[in-house]
């Protein structure tokens, strides 16, 4: 399994952290997004041209939240609470964080 991440990409960092917490074994391929030819490197592995990307054999999982969900399944639920209602709240909060907080992300692009 391989996780393709980009330098200075908080989305990549989030996927990597979830993989570490879930104790999933994967190799990391870092693409330097500061290089002028990064699109060429990324285009060779990512159909969307975006990071992060998780490749597990023939499966390609794009998007940090989808990767986190996949890591959660691989680790038999390590990333979310066991109780169904608590899990629903956790997923709701993760989705809000993932899609929201635009002002915060714009003010702190390298965090």
PDB file of N, CA and C in Angstrom:
ATOM      1  N   UNK A   1       0.850  -1.159   0.000  1.00  0.00           N
ATOM      2  CA  UNK A   1       0.000   0.000   0.000  1.00  0.00           C
ATOM      3  C   UNK A   1       0.902   1.229   0.000  1.00  0.00           C
ATOM      4  N   UNK A   2       0.475   2.234  -0.757  1.00  0.00           N
ATOM      5  CA  UNK A   2       1.280   3.446  -0.890  1.00  0.00           C
ATOM      6  C   UNK A   2       0.401   4.682  -0.705  1.00  0.00           C
ATOM      7  N   UNK A   3       0.883   5.612   0.106  1.00  0.00           N
ATOM      8  CA  UNK A   3       0.218   6.887   0.300  1.00  0.00           C
ATOM      9  C   UNK A   3       1.065   7.950  -0.389  1.00  0.00           C
ATOM     10  N   UNK A   4       0.460   8.609  -1.356  1.00  0.00           N
ATOM     11  CA  UNK A   4       1.153   9.669  -2.080  1.00  0.00           C
ATOM     12  C   UNK A   4       0.724  10.992  -1.464  1.00  0.00           C
ATOM     13  N   UNK A   5       1.712  11.742  -1.008  1.00  0.00           N
ATOM     14  CA  UNK A   5       1.449  13.005  -0.324  1.00  0.00           C
ATOM     15  C   UNK A   5       2.254  14.111  -0.993  1.00  0.00           C
ATOM     16  N   UNK A   6       1.883  15.340  -0.676  1.00  0.00           N
ATOM     17  CA  UNK A   6       2.599  16.485  -1.207  1.00  0.00           C
ATOM     18  C   UNK A   6       3.176  17.315  -0.086  1.00  0.00           C
ATOM     19  N   UNK A   7       4.307  17.935  -0.353  1.00  0.00           N
ATOM     20  CA  UNK A   7       4.908  18.837   0.626  1.00  0.00           C
ATOM     21  C   UNK A   7       3.971  20.015   0.854  1.00  0.00           C
ATOM     22  N   UNK A   8       3.959  20.521   2.068  1.00  0.00           N
ATOM     23  CA  UNK A   8       3.123  21.668   2.441  1.00  0.00           C
ATOM     24  C   UNK A   8       1.632  21.426   2.183  1.00  0.00           C
ATOM     25  N   UNK A   9       1.202  20.195   2.225  1.00  0.00           N
ATOM     26  CA  UNK A   9      -0.202  19.859   2.018  1.00  0.00           C
ATOM     27  C   UNK A   9      -0.798  19.371   3.332  1.00  0.00           C
ATOM     28  N   UNK A  10      -1.655  20.190   3.932  1.00  0.00           N
ATOM     29  CA  UNK A  10      -2.291  19.768   5.179  1.00  0.00           C
ATOM     30  C   UNK A  10      -3.228  18.599   4.933  1.00  0.00           C
ATOM     31  N   UNK A  11      -3.804  18.516   3.747  1.00  0.00           N
ATOM     32  CA  UNK A  11      -4.674  17.376   3.420  1.00  0.00           C
ATOM     33  C   UNK A  11      -3.862  16.089   3.466  1.00  0.00           C
ATOM     34  N   UNK A  12      -2.649  16.120   2.929  1.00  0.00           N
ATOM     35  CA  UNK A  12      -1.768  14.953   2.957  1.00  0.00           C
ATOM     36  C   UNK A  12      -1.402  14.586   4.388  1.00  0.00           C
ATOM     37  N   UNK A  13      -1.088  15.609   5.183  1.00  0.00           N
ATOM     38  CA  UNK A  13      -0.712  15.368   6.572  1.00  0.00           C
ATOM     39  C   UNK A  13      -1.849  14.697   7.331  1.00  0.00           C
ATOM     40  N   UNK A  14      -3.070  15.132   7.093  1.00  0.00           N
ATOM     41  CA  UNK A  14      -4.221  14.533   7.772  1.00  0.00           C
ATOM     42  C   UNK A  14      -4.352  13.049   7.441  1.00  0.00           C
ATOM     43  N   UNK A  15      -4.195  12.703   6.185  1.00  0.00           N
ATOM     44  CA  UNK A  15      -4.289  11.291   5.784  1.00  0.00           C
ATOM     45  C   UNK A  15      -3.169  10.485   6.435  1.00  0.00           C
ATOM     46  N   UNK A  16      -1.965  11.030   6.429  1.00  0.00           N
ATOM     47  CA  UNK A  16      -0.821  10.324   7.018  1.00  0.00           C
ATOM     48  C   UNK A  16      -1.036  10.110   8.515  1.00  0.00           C
ATOM     49  N   UNK A  17      -1.500  11.148   9.220  1.00  0.00           N
ATOM     50  CA  UNK A  17      -1.747  11.026  10.665  1.00  0.00           C
ATOM     51  C   UNK A  17      -2.781   9.937  10.940  1.00  0.00           C
ATOM     52  N   UNK A  18      -3.852   9.916  10.170  1.00  0.00           N
ATOM     53  CA  UNK A  18      -4.879   8.880  10.374  1.00  0.00           C
ATOM     54  C   UNK A  18      -4.301   7.490  10.154  1.00  0.00           C
ATOM     55  N   UNK A  19      -3.450   7.350   9.162  1.00  0.00           N
ATOM     56  CA  UNK A  19      -2.808   6.057   8.930  1.00  0.00           C
ATOM     57  C   UNK A  19      -1.925   5.638  10.083  1.00  0.00           C
ATOM     58  N   UNK A  20      -1.222   6.603  10.672  1.00  0.00           N
ATOM     59  CA  UNK A  20      -0.372   6.308  11.820  1.00  0.00           C
ATOM     60  C   UNK A  20      -1.207   5.895  13.034  1.00  0.00           C
ATOM     61  N   UNK A  21      -2.278   6.646  13.295  1.00  0.00           N
ATOM     62  CA  UNK A  21      -3.138   6.327  14.438  1.00  0.00           C
ATOM     63  C   UNK A  21      -3.781   4.959  14.263  1.00  0.00           C
ATOM     64  N   UNK A  22      -4.187   4.658  13.027  1.00  0.00           N
ATOM     65  CA  UNK A  22      -4.839   3.374  12.744  1.00  0.00           C
ATOM     66  C   UNK A  22      -3.833   2.230  12.659  1.00  0.00           C
ATOM     67  N   UNK A  23      -2.537   2.556  12.713  1.00  0.00           N
ATOM     68  CA  UNK A  23      -1.475   1.560  12.656  1.00  0.00           C
ATOM     69  C   UNK A  23      -1.542   0.724  11.374  1.00  0.00           C
ATOM     70  N   UNK A  24      -1.791   1.410  10.260  1.00  0.00           N
ATOM     71  CA  UNK A  24      -1.841   0.763   8.954  1.00  0.00           C
ATOM     72  C   UNK A  24      -0.449   0.854   8.335  1.00  0.00           C
ATOM     73  N   UNK A  25       0.014  -0.243   7.769  1.00  0.00           N
ATOM     74  CA  UNK A  25       1.337  -0.291   7.150  1.00  0.00           C
ATOM     75  C   UNK A  25       1.237   0.209   5.711  1.00  0.00           C
ATOM     76  N   UNK A  26       1.970   1.275   5.409  1.00  0.00           N
ATOM     77  CA  UNK A  26       1.984   1.806   4.056  1.00  0.00           C
ATOM     78  C   UNK A  26       3.310   2.507   3.797  1.00  0.00           C
ATOM     79  N   UNK A  27       3.685   2.567   2.531  1.00  0.00           N
ATOM     80  CA  UNK A  27       4.851   3.337   2.114  1.00  0.00           C
ATOM     81  C   UNK A  27       4.382   4.737   1.764  1.00  0.00           C
ATOM     82  N   UNK A  28       5.262   5.703   1.917  1.00  0.00           N
ATOM     83  CA  UNK A  28       4.931   7.092   1.607  1.00  0.00           C
ATOM     84  C   UNK A  28       5.764   7.555   0.413  1.00  0.00           C
ATOM     85  N   UNK A  29       5.082   8.147  -0.538  1.00  0.00           N
ATOM     86  CA  UNK A  29       5.729   8.747  -1.695  1.00  0.00           C
ATOM     87  C   UNK A  29       5.452  10.246  -1.615  1.00  0.00           C
ATOM     88  N   UNK A  30       6.500  11.035  -1.366  1.00  0.00           N
ATOM     89  CA  UNK A  30       6.347  12.473  -1.204  1.00  0.00           C
ATOM     90  C   UNK A  30       6.665  13.175  -2.521  1.00  0.00           C
ATOM     91  N   UNK A  31       5.727  13.999  -2.969  1.00  0.00           N
ATOM     92  CA  UNK A  31       5.921  14.797  -4.171  1.00  0.00           C
ATOM     93  C   UNK A  31       6.135  16.243  -3.732  1.00  0.00           C
ATOM     94  N   UNK A  32       7.212  16.825  -4.192  1.00  0.00           N
ATOM     95  CA  UNK A  32       7.539  18.203  -3.829  1.00  0.00           C
ATOM     96  C   UNK A  32       6.678  19.148  -4.658  1.00  0.00           C
ATOM     97  N   UNK A  33       5.668  19.700  -4.015  1.00  0.00           N
ATOM     98  CA  UNK A  33       4.732  20.574  -4.719  1.00  0.00           C
ATOM     99  C   UNK A  33       5.327  21.950  -5.018  1.00  0.00           C
ATOM    100  N   UNK A  34       6.528  22.226  -4.512  1.00  0.00           N
ATOM    101  CA  UNK A  34       7.189  23.501  -4.792  1.00  0.00           C
ATOM    102  C   UNK A  34       7.958  23.455  -6.115  1.00  0.00           C
ATOM    103  N   UNK A  35       8.195  22.268  -6.642  1.00  0.00           N
ATOM    104  CA  UNK A  35       8.922  22.149  -7.903  1.00  0.00           C
ATOM    105  C   UNK A  35       8.010  22.513  -9.060  1.00  0.00           C
ATOM    106  N   UNK A  36       8.584  23.116 -10.063  1.00  0.00           N
ATOM    107  CA  UNK A  36       7.781  23.556 -11.208  1.00  0.00           C
ATOM    108  C   UNK A  36       7.204  22.389 -12.009  1.00  0.00           C
ATOM    109  N   UNK A  37       7.841  21.247 -11.947  1.00  0.00           N
ATOM    110  CA  UNK A  37       7.367  20.087 -12.713  1.00  0.00           C
ATOM    111  C   UNK A  37       6.581  19.079 -11.872  1.00  0.00           C
ATOM    112  N   UNK A  38       6.066  19.530 -10.711  1.00  0.00           N
ATOM    113  CA  UNK A  38       5.349  18.588  -9.838  1.00  0.00           C
ATOM    114  C   UNK A  38       4.140  17.979 -10.528  1.00  0.00           C
ATOM    115  N   UNK A  39       3.518  18.712 -11.432  1.00  0.00           N
ATOM    116  CA  UNK A  39       2.335  18.177 -12.131  1.00  0.00           C
ATOM    117  C   UNK A  39       2.684  16.929 -12.938  1.00  0.00           C
ATOM    118  N   UNK A  40       3.876  16.901 -13.511  1.00  0.00           N
ATOM    119  CA  UNK A  40       4.305  15.730 -14.268  1.00  0.00           C
ATOM    120  C   UNK A  40       4.438  14.513 -13.361  1.00  0.00           C
ATOM    121  N   UNK A  41       5.090  14.704 -12.204  1.00  0.00           N
ATOM    122  CA  UNK A  41       5.259  13.606 -11.248  1.00  0.00           C
ATOM    123  C   UNK A  41       3.921  13.130 -10.726  1.00  0.00           C
ATOM    124  N   UNK A  42       3.063  14.060 -10.376  1.00  0.00           N
ATOM    125  CA  UNK A  42       1.762  13.728  -9.818  1.00  0.00           C
ATOM    126  C   UNK A  42       0.858  13.076 -10.858  1.00  0.00           C
ATOM    127  N   UNK A  43       0.935  13.564 -12.085  1.00  0.00           N
ATOM    128  CA  UNK A  43       0.112  13.014 -13.160  1.00  0.00           C
ATOM    129  C   UNK A  43       0.411  11.555 -13.475  1.00  0.00           C
ATOM    130  N   UNK A  44       1.601  11.106 -13.139  1.00  0.00           N
ATOM    131  CA  UNK A  44       1.970   9.709 -13.386  1.00  0.00           C
ATOM    132  C   UNK A  44       1.266   8.747 -12.447  1.00  0.00           C
ATOM    133  N   UNK A  45       0.812   9.238 -11.299  1.00  0.00           N
ATOM    134  CA  UNK A  45       0.200   8.349 -10.306  1.00  0.00           C
ATOM    135  C   UNK A  45      -1.236   8.709  -9.960  1.00  0.00           C
ATOM    136  N   UNK A  46      -1.624   9.973 -10.132  1.00  0.00           N
ATOM    137  CA  UNK A  46      -2.935  10.435  -9.692  1.00  0.00           C
ATOM    138  C   UNK A  46      -3.799  10.858 -10.869  1.00  0.00           C
ATOM    139  N   UNK A  47      -4.938  10.204 -11.016  1.00  0.00           N
ATOM    140  CA  UNK A  47      -5.862  10.556 -12.092  1.00  0.00           C
ATOM    141  C   UNK A  47      -6.419  11.965 -11.913  1.00  0.00           C
ATOM    142  N   UNK A  48      -6.551  12.419 -10.674  1.00  0.00           N
ATOM    143  CA  UNK A  48      -7.107  13.744 -10.397  1.00  0.00           C
ATOM    144  C   UNK A  48      -6.041  14.832 -10.380  1.00  0.00           C
ATOM    145  N   UNK A  49      -4.777  14.427 -10.255  1.00  0.00           N
ATOM    146  CA  UNK A  49      -3.706  15.407 -10.146  1.00  0.00           C
ATOM    147  C   UNK A  49      -3.629  16.037  -8.775  1.00  0.00           C
ATOM    148  N   UNK A  50      -4.243  15.385  -7.795  1.00  0.00           N
ATOM    149  CA  UNK A  50      -4.287  15.911  -6.437  1.00  0.00           C
ATOM    150  C   UNK A  50      -3.676  14.938  -5.439  1.00  0.00           C
ATOM    151  N   UNK A  51      -3.255  15.478  -4.307  1.00  0.00           N
ATOM    152  CA  UNK A  51      -2.813  14.668  -3.170  1.00  0.00           C
ATOM    153  C   UNK A  51      -3.725  14.987  -1.999  1.00  0.00           C
ATOM    154  N   UNK A  52      -3.878  14.071  -1.087  1.00  0.00           N
ATOM    155  CA  UNK A  52      -3.266  12.752  -1.009  1.00  0.00           C
ATOM    156  C   UNK A  52      -3.992  11.746  -1.900  1.00  0.00           C
ATOM    157  N   UNK A  53      -3.304  10.660  -2.120  1.00  0.00           N
ATOM    158  CA  UNK A  53      -3.844   9.528  -2.871  1.00  0.00           C
ATOM    159  C   UNK A  53      -3.327   8.260  -2.209  1.00  0.00           C
ATOM    160  N   UNK A  54      -4.232   7.345  -1.918  1.00  0.00           N
ATOM    161  CA  UNK A  54      -3.844   6.055  -1.366  1.00  0.00           C
ATOM    162  C   UNK A  54      -4.032   5.001  -2.452  1.00  0.00           C
ATOM    163  N   UNK A  55      -2.983   4.228  -2.684  1.00  0.00           N
ATOM    164  CA  UNK A  55      -3.055   3.135  -3.650  1.00  0.00           C
ATOM    165  C   UNK A  55      -2.882   1.829  -2.895  1.00  0.00           C
ATOM    166  N   UNK A  56      -3.891   0.978  -2.991  1.00  0.00           N
ATOM    167  CA  UNK A  56      -3.862  -0.339  -2.361  1.00  0.00           C
ATOM    168  C   UNK A  56      -4.178  -1.353  -3.454  1.00  0.00           C
ATOM    169  N   UNK A  57      -3.119  -1.906  -4.013  1.00  0.00           N
ATOM    170  CA  UNK A  57      -3.212  -2.797  -5.175  1.00  0.00           C
ATOM    171  C   UNK A  57      -3.897  -2.051  -6.321  1.00  0.00           C
ATOM    172  N   UNK A  58      -5.074  -2.500  -6.791  1.00  0.00           N
ATOM    173  CA  UNK A  58      -5.757  -1.835  -7.901  1.00  0.00           C
ATOM    174  C   UNK A  58      -6.671  -0.705  -7.447  1.00  0.00           C
ATOM    175  N   UNK A  59      -6.816  -0.543  -6.148  1.00  0.00           N
ATOM    176  CA  UNK A  59      -7.706   0.475  -5.599  1.00  0.00           C
ATOM    177  C   UNK A  59      -6.966   1.803  -5.435  1.00  0.00           C
ATOM    178  N   UNK A  60      -7.596   2.886  -5.905  1.00  0.00           N
ATOM    179  CA  UNK A  60      -7.064   4.234  -5.689  1.00  0.00           C
ATOM    180  C   UNK A  60      -8.118   5.016  -4.918  1.00  0.00           C
ATOM    181  N   UNK A  61      -7.734   5.508  -3.741  1.00  0.00           N
ATOM    182  CA  UNK A  61      -8.649   6.276  -2.900  1.00  0.00           C
ATOM    183  C   UNK A  61      -8.132   7.711  -2.849  1.00  0.00           C
ATOM    184  N   UNK A  62      -8.933   8.644  -3.366  1.00  0.00           N
ATOM    185  CA  UNK A  62      -8.596  10.056  -3.370  1.00  0.00           C
ATOM    186  C   UNK A  62      -9.300  10.731  -2.202  1.00  0.00           C
ATOM    187  N   UNK A  63      -8.748  11.818  -1.746  1.00  0.00           N
ATOM    188  CA  UNK A  63      -9.354  12.667  -0.727  1.00  0.00           C
ATOM    189  C   UNK A  63      -9.005  12.160   0.673  1.00  0.00           C
ATOM    190  N   UNK A  64      -8.580  13.084   1.508  1.00  0.00           N
ATOM    191  CA  UNK A  64      -8.119  12.720   2.849  1.00  0.00           C
ATOM    192  C   UNK A  64      -9.211  12.095   3.708  1.00  0.00           C
ATOM    193  N   UNK A  65     -10.441  12.561   3.589  1.00  0.00           N
ATOM    194  CA  UNK A  65     -11.512  11.994   4.403  1.00  0.00           C
ATOM    195  C   UNK A  65     -11.840  10.566   3.960  1.00  0.00           C
ATOM    196  N   UNK A  66     -11.864  10.335   2.671  1.00  0.00           N
ATOM    197  CA  UNK A  66     -12.103   8.976   2.168  1.00  0.00           C
ATOM    198  C   UNK A  66     -10.965   8.036   2.577  1.00  0.00           C
ATOM    199  N   UNK A  67      -9.753   8.538   2.558  1.00  0.00           N
ATOM    200  CA  UNK A  67      -8.604   7.732   2.988  1.00  0.00           C
ATOM    201  C   UNK A  67      -8.717   7.415   4.475  1.00  0.00           C
ATOM    202  N   UNK A  68      -9.118   8.396   5.269  1.00  0.00           N
ATOM    203  CA  UNK A  68      -9.307   8.159   6.711  1.00  0.00           C
ATOM    204  C   UNK A  68     -10.360   7.084   6.949  1.00  0.00           C
ATOM    205  N   UNK A  69     -11.458   7.138   6.207  1.00  0.00           N
ATOM    206  CA  UNK A  69     -12.507   6.122   6.338  1.00  0.00           C
ATOM    207  C   UNK A  69     -11.967   4.738   5.974  1.00  0.00           C
ATOM    208  N   UNK A  70     -11.152   4.672   4.939  1.00  0.00           N
ATOM    209  CA  UNK A  70     -10.571   3.391   4.525  1.00  0.00           C
ATOM    210  C   UNK A  70      -9.624   2.866   5.609  1.00  0.00           C
ATOM    211  N   UNK A  71      -8.791   3.744   6.159  1.00  0.00           N
ATOM    212  CA  UNK A  71      -7.909   3.341   7.256  1.00  0.00           C
ATOM    213  C   UNK A  71      -8.733   2.868   8.450  1.00  0.00           C
ATOM    214  N   UNK A  72      -9.833   3.523   8.706  1.00  0.00           N
ATOM    215  CA  UNK A  72     -10.706   3.117   9.813  1.00  0.00           C
ATOM    216  C   UNK A  72     -11.220   1.697   9.604  1.00  0.00           C
ATOM    217  N   UNK A  73     -11.624   1.393   8.386  1.00  0.00           N
ATOM    218  CA  UNK A  73     -12.106   0.042   8.094  1.00  0.00           C
ATOM    219  C   UNK A  73     -10.989  -0.985   8.201  1.00  0.00           C
ATOM    220  N   UNK A  74      -9.804  -0.639   7.699  1.00  0.00           N
ATOM    221  CA  UNK A  74      -8.673  -1.572   7.775  1.00  0.00           C
ATOM    222  C   UNK A  74      -8.270  -1.870   9.211  1.00  0.00           C
ATOM    223  N   UNK A  75      -8.489  -0.907  10.084  1.00  0.00           N
ATOM    224  CA  UNK A  75      -8.067  -1.063  11.487  1.00  0.00           C
ATOM    225  C   UNK A  75      -9.215  -1.472  12.397  1.00  0.00           C
ATOM    226  N   UNK A  76     -10.296  -1.946  11.802  1.00  0.00           N
ATOM    227  CA  UNK A  76     -11.470  -2.412  12.550  1.00  0.00           C
ATOM    228  C   UNK A  76     -12.016  -1.339  13.490  1.00  0.00           C
ATOM    229  N   UNK A  77     -12.074  -0.098  12.979  1.00  0.00           N
ATOM    230  CA  UNK A  77     -12.741   0.966  13.709  1.00  0.00           C
ATOM    231  C   UNK A  77     -11.902   1.761  14.677  1.00  0.00           C
ATOM    232  N   UNK A  78     -10.600   1.746  14.520  1.00  0.00           N
ATOM    233  CA  UNK A  78      -9.711   2.448  15.449  1.00  0.00           C
ATOM    234  C   UNK A  78      -9.939   3.953  15.486  1.00  0.00           C
ATOM    235  N   UNK A  79     -10.308   4.552  14.372  1.00  0.00           N
ATOM    236  CA  UNK A  79     -10.357   6.009  14.290  1.00  0.00           C
ATOM    237  C   UNK A  79     -11.640   6.637  14.810  1.00  0.00           C
ATOM    238  N   UNK A  80     -12.678   5.851  14.986  1.00  0.00           N
ATOM    239  CA  UNK A  80     -13.964   6.391  15.418  1.00  0.00           C
ATOM    240  C   UNK A  80     -14.431   5.707  16.696  1.00  0.00           C
ATOM    241  N   UNK A  81     -15.303   6.379  17.444  1.00  0.00           N
ATOM    242  CA  UNK A  81     -15.857   5.751  18.656  1.00  0.00           C
ATOM    243  C   UNK A  81     -16.628   4.479  18.321  1.00  0.00           C
ATOM    244  N   UNK A  82     -16.746   3.600  19.279  1.00  0.00           N
ATOM    245  CA  UNK A  82     -17.466   2.334  19.072  1.00  0.00           C
ATOM    246  C   UNK A  82     -18.979   2.526  19.065  1.00  0.00           C
ATOM    247  N   UNK A  83     -19.485   3.437  19.888  1.00  0.00           N
ATOM    248  CA  UNK A  83     -20.935   3.655  19.973  1.00  0.00           C
ATOM    249  C   UNK A  83     -21.442   4.329  18.696  1.00  0.00           C
ATOM    250  N   UNK A  84     -22.521   3.799  18.158  1.00  0.00           N
ATOM    251  CA  UNK A  84     -23.072   4.286  16.887  1.00  0.00           C
ATOM    252  C   UNK A  84     -23.373   5.776  16.929  1.00  0.00           C
ATOM    253  N   UNK A  85     -24.013   6.255  18.002  1.00  0.00           N
ATOM    254  CA  UNK A  85     -24.367   7.677  18.073  1.00  0.00           C
ATOM    255  C   UNK A  85     -23.128   8.557  18.195  1.00  0.00           C
ATOM    256  N   UNK A  86     -22.145   8.114  18.954  1.00  0.00           N
ATOM    257  CA  UNK A  86     -20.896   8.876  19.078  1.00  0.00           C
ATOM    258  C   UNK A  86     -20.138   8.881  17.749  1.00  0.00           C
ATOM    259  N   UNK A  87     -20.198   7.765  17.039  1.00  0.00           N
ATOM    260  CA  UNK A  87     -19.558   7.666  15.731  1.00  0.00           C
ATOM    261  C   UNK A  87     -20.218   8.630  14.746  1.00  0.00           C
ATOM    262  N   UNK A  88     -21.536   8.741  14.814  1.00  0.00           N
ATOM    263  CA  UNK A  88     -22.256   9.665  13.933  1.00  0.00           C
ATOM    264  C   UNK A  88     -21.843  11.109  14.208  1.00  0.00           C
ATOM    265  N   UNK A  89     -21.725  11.472  15.475  1.00  0.00           N
ATOM    266  CA  UNK A  89     -21.299  12.828  15.831  1.00  0.00           C
ATOM    267  C   UNK A  89     -19.868  13.060  15.354  1.00  0.00           C
ATOM    268  N   UNK A  90     -18.994  12.090  15.552  1.00  0.00           N
ATOM    269  CA  UNK A  90     -17.598  12.215  15.122  1.00  0.00           C
ATOM    270  C   UNK A  90     -17.509  12.391  13.615  1.00  0.00           C
ATOM    271  N   UNK A  91     -18.263  11.618  12.869  1.00  0.00           N
ATOM    272  CA  UNK A  91     -18.247  11.759  11.411  1.00  0.00           C
ATOM    273  C   UNK A  91     -18.797  13.114  10.984  1.00  0.00           C
ATOM    274  N   UNK A  92     -19.811  13.592  11.669  1.00  0.00           N
ATOM    275  CA  UNK A  92     -20.368  14.904  11.374  1.00  0.00           C
ATOM    276  C   UNK A  92     -19.322  16.002  11.589  1.00  0.00           C
ATOM    277  N   UNK A  93     -18.614  15.916  12.701  1.00  0.00           N
ATOM    278  CA  UNK A  93     -17.573  16.905  12.989  1.00  0.00           C
ATOM    279  C   UNK A  93     -16.429  16.828  11.979  1.00  0.00           C
ATOM    280  N   UNK A  94     -16.043  15.608  11.612  1.00  0.00           N
ATOM    281  CA  UNK A  94     -14.983  15.444  10.615  1.00  0.00           C
ATOM    282  C   UNK A  94     -15.397  16.042   9.271  1.00  0.00           C
ATOM    283  N   UNK A  95     -16.626  15.811   8.885  1.00  0.00           N
ATOM    284  CA  UNK A  95     -17.123  16.354   7.616  1.00  0.00           C
ATOM    285  C   UNK A  95     -17.161  17.872   7.645  1.00  0.00           C
ATOM    286  N   UNK A  96     -17.595  18.433   8.780  1.00  0.00           N
ATOM    287  CA  UNK A  96     -17.635  19.889   8.902  1.00  0.00           C
ATOM    288  C   UNK A  96     -16.232  20.482   8.805  1.00  0.00           C
ATOM    289  N   UNK A  97     -15.302  19.870   9.490  1.00  0.00           N
ATOM    290  CA  UNK A  97     -13.919  20.337   9.438  1.00  0.00           C
ATOM    291  C   UNK A  97     -13.360  20.195   8.027  1.00  0.00           C
ATOM    292  N   UNK A  98     -13.672  19.085   7.395  1.00  0.00           N
ATOM    293  CA  UNK A  98     -13.136  18.789   6.072  1.00  0.00           C
ATOM    294  C   UNK A  98     -13.646  19.772   5.014  1.00  0.00           C
ATOM    295  N   UNK A  99     -14.912  20.106   5.087  1.00  0.00           N
ATOM    296  CA  UNK A  99     -15.492  20.959   4.053  1.00  0.00           C
ATOM    297  C   UNK A  99     -15.618  22.419   4.460  1.00  0.00           C
ATOM    298  N   UNK A 100     -15.483  22.689   5.732  1.00  0.00           N
ATOM    299  CA  UNK A 100     -15.697  24.041   6.222  1.00  0.00           C
ATOM    300  C   UNK A 100     -14.423  24.737   6.626  1.00  0.00           C
ATOM    301  N   UNK A 101     -14.595  25.709   7.497  1.00  0.00           N
ATOM    302  CA  UNK A 101     -13.486  26.480   8.024  1.00  0.00           C
ATOM    303  C   UNK A 101     -12.643  27.115   6.922  1.00  0.00           C
ATOM    304  N   UNK A 102     -13.321  27.588   5.869  1.00  0.00           N
ATOM    305  CA  UNK A 102     -12.624  28.180   4.732  1.00  0.00           C
ATOM    306  C   UNK A 102     -11.777  29.374   5.170  1.00  0.00           C
ATOM    307  N   UNK A 103     -12.337  30.232   6.011  1.00  0.00           N
ATOM    308  CA  UNK A 103     -11.582  31.411   6.459  1.00  0.00           C
ATOM    309  C   UNK A 103     -10.321  31.017   7.208  1.00  0.00           C
ATOM    310  N   UNK A 104     -10.423  30.003   8.063  1.00  0.00           N
ATOM    311  CA  UNK A 104      -9.248  29.543   8.806  1.00  0.00           C
ATOM    312  C   UNK A 104      -8.204  28.963   7.854  1.00  0.00           C
ATOM    313  N   UNK A 105      -8.625  28.153   6.902  1.00  0.00           N
ATOM    314  CA  UNK A 105      -7.687  27.557   5.955  1.00  0.00           C
ATOM    315  C   UNK A 105      -7.018  28.625   5.096  1.00  0.00           C
ATOM    316  N   UNK A 106      -7.765  29.670   4.720  1.00  0.00           N
ATOM    317  CA  UNK A 106      -7.174  30.739   3.920  1.00  0.00           C
ATOM    318  C   UNK A 106      -6.190  31.567   4.731  1.00  0.00           C
ATOM    319  N   UNK A 107      -6.477  31.762   6.015  1.00  0.00           N
ATOM    320  CA  UNK A 107      -5.593  32.549   6.875  1.00  0.00           C
ATOM    321  C   UNK A 107      -4.336  31.765   7.267  1.00  0.00           C
ATOM    322  N   UNK A 108      -4.424  30.458   7.282  1.00  0.00           N
ATOM    323  CA  UNK A 108      -3.303  29.611   7.709  1.00  0.00           C
ATOM    324  C   UNK A 108      -3.045  28.525   6.664  1.00  0.00           C
ATOM    325  N   UNK A 109      -2.666  28.887   5.453  1.00  0.00           N
ATOM    326  CA  UNK A 109      -2.550  27.885   4.386  1.00  0.00           C
ATOM    327  C   UNK A 109      -1.470  26.834   4.607  1.00  0.00           C
ATOM    328  N   UNK A 110      -0.477  27.117   5.429  1.00  0.00           N
ATOM    329  CA  UNK A 110       0.602  26.138   5.602  1.00  0.00           C
ATOM    330  C   UNK A 110       0.467  25.343   6.888  1.00  0.00           C
ATOM    331  N   UNK A 111      -0.653  25.471   7.575  1.00  0.00           N
ATOM    332  CA  UNK A 111      -0.834  24.714   8.817  1.00  0.00           C
ATOM    333  C   UNK A 111      -1.507  23.397   8.544  1.00  0.00           C
TER     334      UNK A 111
END
